[in-house]
Structures are given as C-alpha cells and as structure tokens.
C-alpha atoms as a PDB file:
ATOM      1  CA  MET A   1      83.269 149.290  29.101  1.00  0.00           C
ATOM      2  CA  ASP A   2      82.297 145.742  30.100  1.00  0.00           C
ATOM      3  CA  LYS A   3      83.179 142.781  27.890  1.00  0.00           C
ATOM      4  CA  ASN A   4      79.559 141.867  27.155  1.00  0.00           C
ATOM      5  CA  THR A   5      78.827 145.301  25.724  1.00  0.00           C
ATOM      6  CA  GLU A   6      81.975 145.147  23.616  1.00  0.00           C
ATOM      7  CA  LYS A   7      81.051 141.697  22.290  1.00  0.00           C
ATOM      8  CA  SER A   8      77.540 142.912  21.521  1.00  0.00           C
ATOM      9  CA  ILE A   9      78.918 145.799  19.451  1.00  0.00           C
ATOM     10  CA  ILE A  10      81.323 143.496  17.614  1.00  0.00           C
ATOM     11  CA  ASN A  11      78.491 141.129  16.733  1.00  0.00           C
ATOM     12  CA  LYS A  12      76.285 143.976  15.528  1.00  0.00           C
ATOM     13  CA  LEU A  13      79.012 145.319  13.274  1.00  0.00           C
ATOM     14  CA  ARG A  14      79.795 141.851  11.922  1.00  0.00           C
ATOM     15  CA  ILE A  15      76.147 141.275  11.050  1.00  0.00           C
ATOM     16  CA  ALA A  16      76.182 144.652   9.277  1.00  0.00           C
ATOM     17  CA  GLY A  17      79.113 143.434   7.156  1.00  0.00           C
ATOM     18  CA  CYS A  18      82.024 145.213   8.826  1.00  0.00           C
ATOM     19  CA  VAL A  19      85.046 143.043   8.068  1.00  0.00           C
ATOM     20  CA  PHE A  20      87.206 144.546  10.821  1.00  0.00           C
ATOM     21  CA  ALA A  21      84.470 144.619  13.456  1.00  0.00           C
ATOM     22  CA  GLU A  22      86.780 144.094  16.449  1.00  0.00           C
ATOM     23  CA  ALA A  23      89.178 146.887  15.519  1.00  0.00           C
ATOM     24  CA  GLU A  24      86.319 149.221  14.634  1.00  0.00           C
ATOM     25  CA  THR A  25      84.606 148.507  17.938  1.00  0.00           C
ATOM     26  CA  LYS A  26      87.704 149.532  19.881  1.00  0.00           C
ATOM     27  CA  MET A  27      88.005 152.745  17.867  1.00  0.00           C
ATOM     28  CA  ILE A  28      84.350 153.660  18.314  1.00  0.00           C
ATOM     29  CA  ILE A  29      84.496 152.967  22.058  1.00  0.00           C
ATOM     30  CA  SER A  30      87.614 155.113  22.408  1.00  0.00           C
ATOM     31  CA  GLU A  31      85.931 158.065  20.676  1.00  0.00           C
ATOM     32  CA  ALA A  32      82.510 157.875  22.323  1.00  0.00           C
ATOM     33  CA  LYS A  33      81.903 160.593  24.916  1.00  0.00           C
ATOM     34  CA  SER A  34      78.991 158.825  26.615  1.00  0.00           C
ATOM     35  CA  LEU A  35      76.900 155.666  26.428  1.00  0.00           C
ATOM     36  CA  VAL A  36      74.282 157.540  24.415  1.00  0.00           C
ATOM     37  CA  ASP A  37      77.003 158.736  22.046  1.00  0.00           C
ATOM     38  CA  LEU A  38      78.384 155.202  21.774  1.00  0.00           C
ATOM     39  CA  ASN A  39      75.018 153.713  20.876  1.00  0.00           C
ATOM     40  CA  LYS A  40      74.452 156.375  18.224  1.00  0.00           C
ATOM     41  CA  MET A  41      77.899 155.797  16.706  1.00  0.00           C
ATOM     42  CA  VAL A  42      77.349 152.035  16.552  1.00  0.00           C
ATOM     43  CA  GLU A  43      73.950 152.510  14.911  1.00  0.00           C
ATOM     44  CA  ILE A  44      75.167 154.821  12.166  1.00  0.00           C
ATOM     45  CA  ARG A  45      78.184 152.609  11.481  1.00  0.00           C
ATOM     46  CA  ALA A  46      75.934 149.538  11.241  1.00  0.00           C
ATOM     47  CA  ASP A  47      73.748 151.502   8.816  1.00  0.00           C
ATOM     48  CA  GLY A  48      76.753 151.915   6.529  1.00  0.00           C
ATOM     49  CA  LEU A  49      78.276 155.286   7.349  1.00  0.00           C
ATOM     50  CA  PRO A  50      82.062 155.063   6.769  1.00  0.00           C
ATOM     51  CA  LEU A  51      84.018 154.531   9.978  1.00  0.00           C
ATOM     52  CA  GLU A  52      86.058 157.692   9.404  1.00  0.00           C
ATOM     53  CA  TYR A  53      82.909 159.819   9.471  1.00  0.00           C
ATOM     54  CA  VAL A  54      81.659 157.986  12.561  1.00  0.00           C
ATOM     55  CA  ILE A  55      84.799 158.623  14.626  1.00  0.00           C
ATOM     56  CA  GLY A  56      85.675 161.948  12.966  1.00  0.00           C
ATOM     57  CA  TRP A  57      89.152 161.156  11.695  1.00  0.00           C
ATOM     58  CA  ALA A  58      91.230 158.995   9.356  1.00  0.00           C
ATOM     59  CA  GLU A  59      94.778 157.733   9.761  1.00  0.00           C
ATOM     60  CA  PHE A  60      97.041 158.913   6.955  1.00  0.00           C
ATOM     61  CA  CYS A  61     100.837 158.785   6.848  1.00  0.00           C
ATOM     62  CA  GLY A  62     100.845 158.282  10.608  1.00  0.00           C
ATOM     63  CA  LEU A  63      98.742 161.395  11.185  1.00  0.00           C
ATOM     64  CA  ARG A  64      95.263 161.722  12.599  1.00  0.00           C
ATOM     65  CA  ILE A  65      93.417 163.640   9.876  1.00  0.00           C
ATOM     66  CA  GLU A  66      90.095 165.145  10.919  1.00  0.00           C
ATOM     67  CA  VAL A  67      87.217 164.431   8.539  1.00  0.00           C
ATOM     68  CA  GLU A  68      83.489 165.010   8.518  1.00  0.00           C
ATOM     69  CA  ARG A  69      80.599 164.023   6.297  1.00  0.00           C
ATOM     70  CA  GLY A  70      80.920 165.572   2.878  1.00  0.00           C
ATOM     71  CA  VAL A  71      84.721 165.506   2.627  1.00  0.00           C
ATOM     72  CA  PHE A  72      86.763 162.946   0.693  1.00  0.00           C
ATOM     73  CA  VAL A  73      88.331 160.372   3.009  1.00  0.00           C
ATOM     74  CA  PRO A  74      92.112 160.044   2.373  1.00  0.00           C
ATOM     75  CA  ARG A  75      93.122 156.593   1.090  1.00  0.00           C
ATOM     76  CA  PRO A  76      96.268 154.614   1.923  1.00  0.00           C
ATOM     77  CA  ARG A  77      97.221 154.586  -1.771  1.00  0.00           C
ATOM     78  CA  THR A  78      97.714 158.348  -1.667  1.00  0.00           C
ATOM     79  CA  GLU A  79     100.642 157.851   0.683  1.00  0.00           C
ATOM     80  CA  LEU A  80     102.692 157.138  -2.467  1.00  0.00           C
ATOM     81  CA  LEU A  81     101.954 160.680  -3.640  1.00  0.00           C
ATOM     82  CA  VAL A  82     103.242 162.016  -0.332  1.00  0.00           C
ATOM     83  CA  ARG A  83     106.383 159.868  -0.370  1.00  0.00           C
ATOM     84  CA  GLN A  84     107.306 160.919  -3.887  1.00  0.00           C
ATOM     85  CA  ALA A  85     106.716 164.596  -3.135  1.00  0.00           C
ATOM     86  CA  GLU A  86     108.772 164.313   0.038  1.00  0.00           C
ATOM     87  CA  LYS A  87     111.745 162.980  -1.955  1.00  0.00           C
ATOM     88  CA  LEU A  88     111.647 166.030  -4.202  1.00  0.00           C
ATOM     89  CA  SER A  89     111.010 168.722  -1.589  1.00  0.00           C
ATOM     90  CA  CYS A  90     113.369 170.761   0.551  1.00  0.00           C
ATOM     91  CA  SER A  91     113.009 172.893   3.634  1.00  0.00           C
ATOM     92  CA  GLY A  92     111.658 176.313   2.709  1.00  0.00           C
ATOM     93  CA  ASP A  93     109.911 175.134  -0.464  1.00  0.00           C
ATOM     94  CA  ILE A  94     106.596 176.573  -1.608  1.00  0.00           C
ATOM     95  CA  VAL A  95     104.250 173.569  -1.662  1.00  0.00           C
ATOM     96  CA  VAL A  96     100.719 173.626  -3.070  1.00  0.00           C
ATOM     97  CA  ASP A  97      98.058 170.981  -2.455  1.00  0.00           C
ATOM     98  CA  LEU A  98      95.363 171.463  -5.132  1.00  0.00           C
ATOM     99  CA  CYS A  99      91.948 169.858  -4.618  1.00  0.00           C
ATOM    100  CA  CYS A 100      93.183 169.426  -1.081  1.00  0.00           C
ATOM    101  CA  GLY A 101      90.023 167.926   0.434  1.00  0.00           C
ATOM    102  CA  SER A 102      90.767 167.417   4.125  1.00  0.00           C
ATOM    103  CA  GLY A 103      94.301 168.746   3.618  1.00  0.00           C
ATOM    104  CA  ALA A 104      95.747 165.301   4.304  1.00  0.00           C
ATOM    105  CA  VAL A 105      98.464 165.409   1.630  1.00  0.00           C
ATOM    106  CA  GLY A 106      99.621 168.896   2.551  1.00  0.00           C
ATOM    107  CA  ALA A 107      99.610 168.096   6.260  1.00  0.00           C
ATOM    108  CA  ALA A 108     101.584 164.878   5.715  1.00  0.00           C
ATOM    109  CA  LEU A 109     104.191 166.701   3.626  1.00  0.00           C
ATOM    110  CA  ALA A 110     104.535 169.456   6.210  1.00  0.00           C
ATOM    111  CA  ALA A 111     104.905 166.884   8.986  1.00  0.00           C
ATOM    112  CA  ALA A 112     107.554 164.971   7.056  1.00  0.00           C
ATOM    113  CA  GLN A 113     109.544 167.862   5.633  1.00  0.00           C
ATOM    114  CA  GLY A 114     109.306 170.423   8.403  1.00  0.00           C
ATOM    115  CA  GLU A 115     109.628 174.037   7.323  1.00  0.00           C
ATOM    116  CA  ILE A 116     107.692 174.457   4.081  1.00  0.00           C
ATOM    117  CA  LEU A 117     105.387 177.226   2.876  1.00  0.00           C
ATOM    118  CA  LEU A 118     102.130 175.330   2.437  1.00  0.00           C
ATOM    119  CA  TYR A 119      99.165 176.499   0.362  1.00  0.00           C
ATOM    120  CA  CYS A 120      96.003 174.381   0.090  1.00  0.00           C
ATOM    121  CA  ALA A 121      93.000 175.003  -2.156  1.00  0.00           C
ATOM    122  CA  ASP A 122      89.624 173.398  -2.715  1.00  0.00           C
ATOM    123  CA  ILE A 123      86.295 174.426  -4.178  1.00  0.00           C
ATOM    124  CA  ASP A 124      84.179 172.868  -1.435  1.00  0.00           C
ATOM    125  CA  SER A 125      83.255 174.541   1.859  1.00  0.00           C
ATOM    126  CA  VAL A 126      83.299 171.313   3.901  1.00  0.00           C
ATOM    127  CA  ALA A 127      86.761 170.463   2.574  1.00  0.00           C
ATOM    128  CA  ILE A 128      88.017 173.943   3.427  1.00  0.00           C
ATOM    129  CA  ARG A 129      86.663 173.624   6.960  1.00  0.00           C
ATOM    130  CA  CYS A 130      88.421 170.279   7.496  1.00  0.00           C
ATOM    131  CA  ALA A 131      91.644 171.425   5.849  1.00  0.00           C
ATOM    132  CA  LYS A 132      91.868 174.419   8.157  1.00  0.00           C
ATOM    133  CA  ARG A 133      91.797 172.123  11.164  1.00  0.00           C
ATOM    134  CA  ASN A 134      94.396 169.766   9.714  1.00  0.00           C
ATOM    135  CA  VAL A 135      97.002 172.176   8.369  1.00  0.00           C
ATOM    136  CA  SER A 136      96.736 175.053  10.835  1.00  0.00           C
ATOM    137  CA  LYS A 137      99.308 173.385  13.099  1.00  0.00           C
ATOM    138  CA  PHE A 138     101.733 173.588  10.159  1.00  0.00           C
ATOM    139  CA  ARG A 139     100.873 177.236   9.482  1.00  0.00           C
ATOM    140  CA  GLY A 140      99.341 176.268   6.155  1.00  0.00           C
ATOM    141  CA  HIS A 141      97.324 178.769   4.121  1.00  0.00           C
ATOM    142  CA  ILE A 142      93.858 177.694   2.961  1.00  0.00           C
ATOM    143  CA  PHE A 143      92.031 179.134  -0.041  1.00  0.00           C
ATOM    144  CA  LYS A 144      88.602 178.419  -1.470  1.00  0.00           C
ATOM    145  CA  GLY A 145      88.169 178.429  -5.229  1.00  0.00           C
ATOM    146  CA  ASP A 146      88.512 176.542  -8.492  1.00  0.00           C
ATOM    147  CA  LEU A 147      92.052 175.161  -8.826  1.00  0.00           C
ATOM    148  CA  TYR A 148      94.605 177.911  -9.599  1.00  0.00           C
ATOM    149  CA  LYS A 149      91.994 180.677  -9.356  1.00  0.00           C
ATOM    150  CA  ALA A 150      92.067 180.149  -5.597  1.00  0.00           C
ATOM    151  CA  LEU A 151      95.802 180.760  -5.255  1.00  0.00           C
ATOM    152  CA  PRO A 152      97.500 184.109  -4.660  1.00  0.00           C
ATOM    153  CA  GLN A 153      99.205 185.536  -7.735  1.00  0.00           C
ATOM    154  CA  SER A 154     102.318 186.175  -5.639  1.00  0.00           C
ATOM    155  CA  ILE A 155     103.303 182.485  -5.817  1.00  0.00           C
ATOM    156  CA  LYS A 156     102.758 182.127  -9.557  1.00  0.00           C
ATOM    157  CA  GLY A 157     105.998 180.900 -11.100  1.00  0.00           C
ATOM    158  CA  HIS A 158     107.485 180.110  -7.690  1.00  0.00           C
ATOM    159  CA  ILE A 159     105.880 176.791  -6.677  1.00  0.00           C
ATOM    160  CA  ASN A 160     108.464 174.102  -5.965  1.00  0.00           C
ATOM    161  CA  ILE A 161     106.083 171.214  -5.322  1.00  0.00           C
ATOM    162  CA  LEU A 162     102.549 171.016  -6.705  1.00  0.00           C
ATOM    163  CA  VAL A 163     100.567 167.950  -5.605  1.00  0.00           C
ATOM    164  CA  ALA A 164      97.095 167.145  -6.851  1.00  0.00           C
ATOM    165  CA  ASN A 165      94.879 164.211  -5.971  1.00  0.00           C
ATOM    166  CA  VAL A 166      92.016 165.281  -8.209  1.00  0.00           C
ATOM    167  CA  PRO A 167      88.907 163.232  -9.090  1.00  0.00           C
ATOM    168  CA  TYR A 168      89.878 160.657 -11.709  1.00  0.00           C
ATOM    169  CA  VAL A 169      87.084 158.075 -11.786  1.00  0.00           C
ATOM    170  CA  PRO A 170      85.296 157.991 -15.168  1.00  0.00           C
ATOM    171  CA  THR A 171      81.644 158.985 -14.767  1.00  0.00           C
ATOM    172  CA  LYS A 172      80.298 155.594 -15.862  1.00  0.00           C
ATOM    173  CA  ALA A 173      82.618 153.805 -13.416  1.00  0.00           C
ATOM    174  CA  ILE A 174      81.234 155.603 -10.345  1.00  0.00           C
ATOM    175  CA  LYS A 175      78.610 152.863 -10.003  1.00  0.00           C
ATOM    176  CA  LEU A 176      81.404 150.295  -9.604  1.00  0.00           C
ATOM    177  CA  LEU A 177      82.947 151.978  -6.563  1.00  0.00           C
ATOM    178  CA  PRO A 178      82.480 150.529  -3.051  1.00  0.00           C
ATOM    179  CA  GLN A 179      79.169 151.431  -1.443  1.00  0.00           C
ATOM    180  CA  GLU A 180      80.783 153.660   1.179  1.00  0.00           C
ATOM    181  CA  ALA A 181      82.242 155.892  -1.537  1.00  0.00           C
ATOM    182  CA  ARG A 182      79.168 155.890  -3.795  1.00  0.00           C
ATOM    183  CA  PHE A 183      76.646 156.649  -1.083  1.00  0.00           C
ATOM    184  CA  TYR A 184      78.521 158.927   1.274  1.00  0.00           C
ATOM    185  CA  GLU A 185      81.332 160.799  -0.505  1.00  0.00           C
ATOM    186  CA  PRO A 186      80.390 163.770  -2.713  1.00  0.00           C
ATOM    187  CA  LYS A 187      80.331 162.918  -6.414  1.00  0.00           C
ATOM    188  CA  VAL A 188      82.424 165.993  -7.154  1.00  0.00           C
ATOM    189  CA  THR A 189      85.340 164.397  -5.256  1.00  0.00           C
ATOM    190  CA  LEU A 190      85.196 161.233  -7.378  1.00  0.00           C
ATOM    191  CA  ASP A 191      83.881 162.048 -10.858  1.00  0.00           C
ATOM    192  CA  GLY A 192      86.602 162.931 -13.354  1.00  0.00           C
ATOM    193  CA  GLY A 193      84.317 163.152 -16.377  1.00  0.00           C
ATOM    194  CA  GLU A 194      83.867 160.808 -19.330  1.00  0.00           C
ATOM    195  CA  ASP A 195      87.430 159.465 -19.298  1.00  0.00           C
ATOM    196  CA  GLY A 196      88.237 160.472 -15.720  1.00  0.00           C
ATOM    197  CA  LEU A 197      90.819 163.024 -16.805  1.00  0.00           C
ATOM    198  CA  ASN A 198      88.887 166.291 -17.080  1.00  0.00           C
ATOM    199  CA  VAL A 199      90.285 167.871 -13.919  1.00  0.00           C
ATOM    200  CA  GLN A 200      93.768 166.470 -14.537  1.00  0.00           C
ATOM    201  CA  ARG A 201      93.858 168.221 -17.917  1.00  0.00           C
ATOM    202  CA  ARG A 202      93.105 171.568 -16.333  1.00  0.00           C
ATOM    203  CA  VAL A 203      95.741 171.099 -13.635  1.00  0.00           C
ATOM    204  CA  VAL A 204      98.457 170.021 -16.070  1.00  0.00           C
ATOM    205  CA  GLU A 205      97.707 172.666 -18.678  1.00  0.00           C
ATOM    206  CA  GLU A 206      98.361 175.568 -16.319  1.00  0.00           C
ATOM    207  CA  ALA A 207     101.062 173.950 -14.193  1.00  0.00           C
ATOM    208  CA  PRO A 208     104.095 175.258 -16.148  1.00  0.00           C
ATOM    209  CA  ARG A 209     102.956 178.835 -15.517  1.00  0.00           C
ATOM    210  CA  TRP A 210     102.771 178.261 -11.772  1.00  0.00           C
ATOM    211  CA  LEU A 211     105.798 176.050 -11.180  1.00  0.00           C
ATOM    212  CA  ALA A 212     109.211 177.485 -10.456  1.00  0.00           C
ATOM    213  CA  ALA A 213     112.058 176.576 -12.774  1.00  0.00           C
ATOM    214  CA  GLY A 214     112.839 172.983 -11.814  1.00  0.00           C
ATOM    215  CA  GLY A 215     109.572 172.721  -9.864  1.00  0.00           C
ATOM    216  CA  HIS A 216     107.614 169.465  -9.778  1.00  0.00           C
ATOM    217  CA  LEU A 217     103.995 168.508 -10.465  1.00  0.00           C
ATOM    218  CA  LEU A 218     102.789 165.231  -8.944  1.00  0.00           C
ATOM    219  CA  ILE A 219      99.365 163.771  -9.717  1.00  0.00           C
ATOM    220  CA  GLU A 220      97.783 160.551  -8.495  1.00  0.00           C
ATOM    221  CA  THR A 221      96.097 158.574 -11.260  1.00  0.00           C
ATOM    222  CA  SER A 222      95.131 154.977 -12.031  1.00  0.00           C
ATOM    223  CA  GLU A 223      97.445 152.429 -13.599  1.00  0.00           C
ATOM    224  CA  MET A 224      95.160 152.284 -16.643  1.00  0.00           C
ATOM    225  CA  GLN A 225      95.070 156.068 -17.082  1.00  0.00           C
ATOM    226  CA  ALA A 226      98.791 156.607 -16.475  1.00  0.00           C
ATOM    227  CA  PRO A 227      99.807 156.577 -20.182  1.00  0.00           C
ATOM    228  CA  GLN A 228      97.273 159.314 -20.959  1.00  0.00           C
ATOM    229  CA  THR A 229      98.341 161.348 -17.950  1.00  0.00           C
ATOM    230  CA  PHE A 230     101.975 160.906 -19.005  1.00  0.00           C
ATOM    231  CA  ASP A 231     101.154 162.279 -22.459  1.00  0.00           C
ATOM    232  CA  MET A 232      99.422 165.293 -20.916  1.00  0.00           C
ATOM    233  CA  PHE A 233     102.519 166.106 -18.881  1.00  0.00           C
ATOM    234  CA  ALA A 234     104.821 165.682 -21.854  1.00  0.00           C
ATOM    235  CA  LYS A 235     102.679 167.906 -24.070  1.00  0.00           C
ATOM    236  CA  ALA A 236     102.797 170.574 -21.386  1.00  0.00           C
ATOM    237  CA  GLY A 237     106.585 170.550 -21.694  1.00  0.00           C
ATOM    238  CA  LEU A 238     107.308 168.729 -18.433  1.00  0.00           C
ATOM    239  CA  THR A 239     110.016 166.105 -18.068  1.00  0.00           C
ATOM    240  CA  THR A 240     107.852 163.166 -17.026  1.00  0.00           C
ATOM    241  CA  LYS A 241     107.999 159.784 -15.317  1.00  0.00           C
ATOM    242  CA  VAL A 242     105.525 157.319 -13.810  1.00  0.00           C
ATOM    243  CA  VAL A 243     105.965 155.730 -10.369  1.00  0.00           C
ATOM    244  CA  ARG A 244     103.957 152.617  -9.466  1.00  0.00           C
ATOM    245  CA  ASP A 245     103.497 150.803  -6.136  1.00  0.00           C
ATOM    246  CA  ASP A 246     101.675 147.495  -6.588  1.00  0.00           C
ATOM    247  CA  GLU A 247     101.339 146.900  -2.857  1.00  0.00           C
ATOM    248  CA  LEU A 248      99.394 150.138  -2.422  1.00  0.00           C
ATOM    249  CA  ASP A 249      97.794 149.803  -5.872  1.00  0.00           C
ATOM    250  CA  ALA A 250      98.969 153.367  -6.399  1.00  0.00           C
ATOM    251  CA  THR A 251     100.241 155.266  -9.430  1.00  0.00           C
ATOM    252  CA  VAL A 252     101.764 158.738  -9.485  1.00  0.00           C
ATOM    253  CA  VAL A 253     102.868 160.736 -12.523  1.00  0.00           C
ATOM    254  CA  ILE A 254     105.646 163.235 -11.864  1.00  0.00           C
ATOM    255  CA  GLY A 255     106.595 166.127 -14.126  1.00  0.00           C
ATOM    256  CA  THR A 256     109.483 168.553 -13.749  1.00  0.00           C
ATOM    257  CA  ASN A 257     109.368 172.058 -15.158  1.00  0.00           C
ATOM    258  CA  PRO A 258     112.354 172.907 -17.367  1.00  0.00           C
ATOM    259  CA  ALA A 259     115.075 175.020 -15.767  1.00  0.00           C
ATOM    260  CA  PHE A 260     114.053 177.857 -18.101  1.00  0.00           C
ATOM    261  CA  ASN A 261     111.030 179.463 -16.393  1.00  0.00           C
ATOM    262  CA  TRP A 262     107.965 180.220 -18.494  1.00  0.00           C
ATOM    263  CA  ASN A 263     107.192 183.318 -16.455  1.00  0.00           C
ATOM    264  CA  GLU A 264     110.647 184.798 -17.042  1.00  0.00           C
ATOM    265  CA  GLN A 265     110.193 184.244 -20.791  1.00  0.00           C
ATOM    266  CA  THR A 266     106.808 185.955 -20.993  1.00  0.00           C
ATOM    267  CA  ARG A 267     107.868 189.122 -19.174  1.00  0.00           C
ATOM    268  CA  PHE A 268     109.626 190.426 -22.264  1.00  0.00           C
END
C-alpha cells in the first residue's frame, strides 16, 4: 500500500469524525483482501459503521474476538468482569456465560484459566453464531434460549462461576448512547427496561438454584445502579460485594452462594 493511498484513507476517516483515523486505517488495510475490498471497508466505516464490524473482530482481554453486524461489541470495561471471575475460578470449574453475545467473556475466562467446563447461552441467532467461532477453540458449549432455559439441567446446582453482562441501560437512556451503539447494535442487547434492571432481576432470582454451594454470580452494572443490584443479590440470599474500577469506568457486583446448597435442601 503506497503512502498516498494511506494518507487519503486517513483524511477520509478524519473528515468522517473518526478520532483514531491513523490506527483505524492501519487495521482496515491489514484486513482488506483486495483494493476493491479496501475501498468498500473505508466507505462503510466513513458512513459510521463501527470499526469492529468493518474489520470483523474486536480486541478483548488480549484476544481477537470475532464479531459481525447484529452482535454486541465487547467493551473494555467488561474486562473487569473477567478479571474478577478469574480470581474466583479454578481449573475444572463449571463456568456459565449468560447473555454471552459474541462469547467474549467466556472465551477470555477460558484463555486465562485454562481447563474449565464452559457453557455459553444467548437468545439471539447472530450472537450464537459468533460465540461458536470464539469459544470452540476452548471446547465451550453453546446453547440458544432465554437465560437459564437454554442450559442443560445436568449443571443445575453445580455452576461454580456464573457471569452475566446483560442489558442494563434504562429504556429512556438509549437515546443518550453513542451513535455507533444506537444505530448499529441491536436494542435487545442494550435495553434493560424502565430502570435498566429487568434482565438482571431474572438472572439473580434464579441464580441460587443453579449455583453450586460456594459458587459465585458476577454481573456487570453501572455505578449508579450498583446499590439496587446489590440489594437484589442480598435478597436472593447471596453474600454480596461491589467492585469498582474508575479507570475502566466499570462496576461489577459479586454474590456468593451459601455453603448450604439450595438444591440439596429441596430434594427432601
């Protein structure tokens, strides 16, 4: 690629409002398979399509996570969720990534921890397709369905780590999100209902029945919503704490199932 062409692309992306035009240009050039492909990629990026969709992947926890239009793009803030789950997990654990999207969280945990039994679930077909590509190398199992309904009954009461990055943006706040999210990411991956906590409530309510004794539930939420999420966890009987990372602008609520297992109690 000659320098003039590269400069031309950089200028076009700058005019379109791309803040990191130089870095994006290098990434687009590296992924283009032909000059025709390159021109098309530059055009759709200049028109506003998120870079991750243009090049077909997003960097997350040092991994190259494959994405396509219609799947939620993993954010750097979610790396806090991964780090906290990694601290609590052990080799051989049963790990579930609910509302897995591209499977980024599950893949990152498997890459960091090594031998885990990974189960990922999502309700969306595009997400399932992406997740299969991203977690297959870690021998992850992918299921399509609504939250726990997607999971096999054989792991109920045996999950050691349950991570969930569910939609938590209040419906009326969707209009305040960056244009790339509002225009190109499915609303179902963003909209958490009137207070943003509708899906969280459903995840937390059933979690004690699915977690092993001493198992952990970790949910990403906003700093503002954290007190409400904390209360949800506590009411569900989980020992709860909030972890905050100001640099990432990330908040994770962590709940631990009591050592006495719900499922053992209800068998009698």
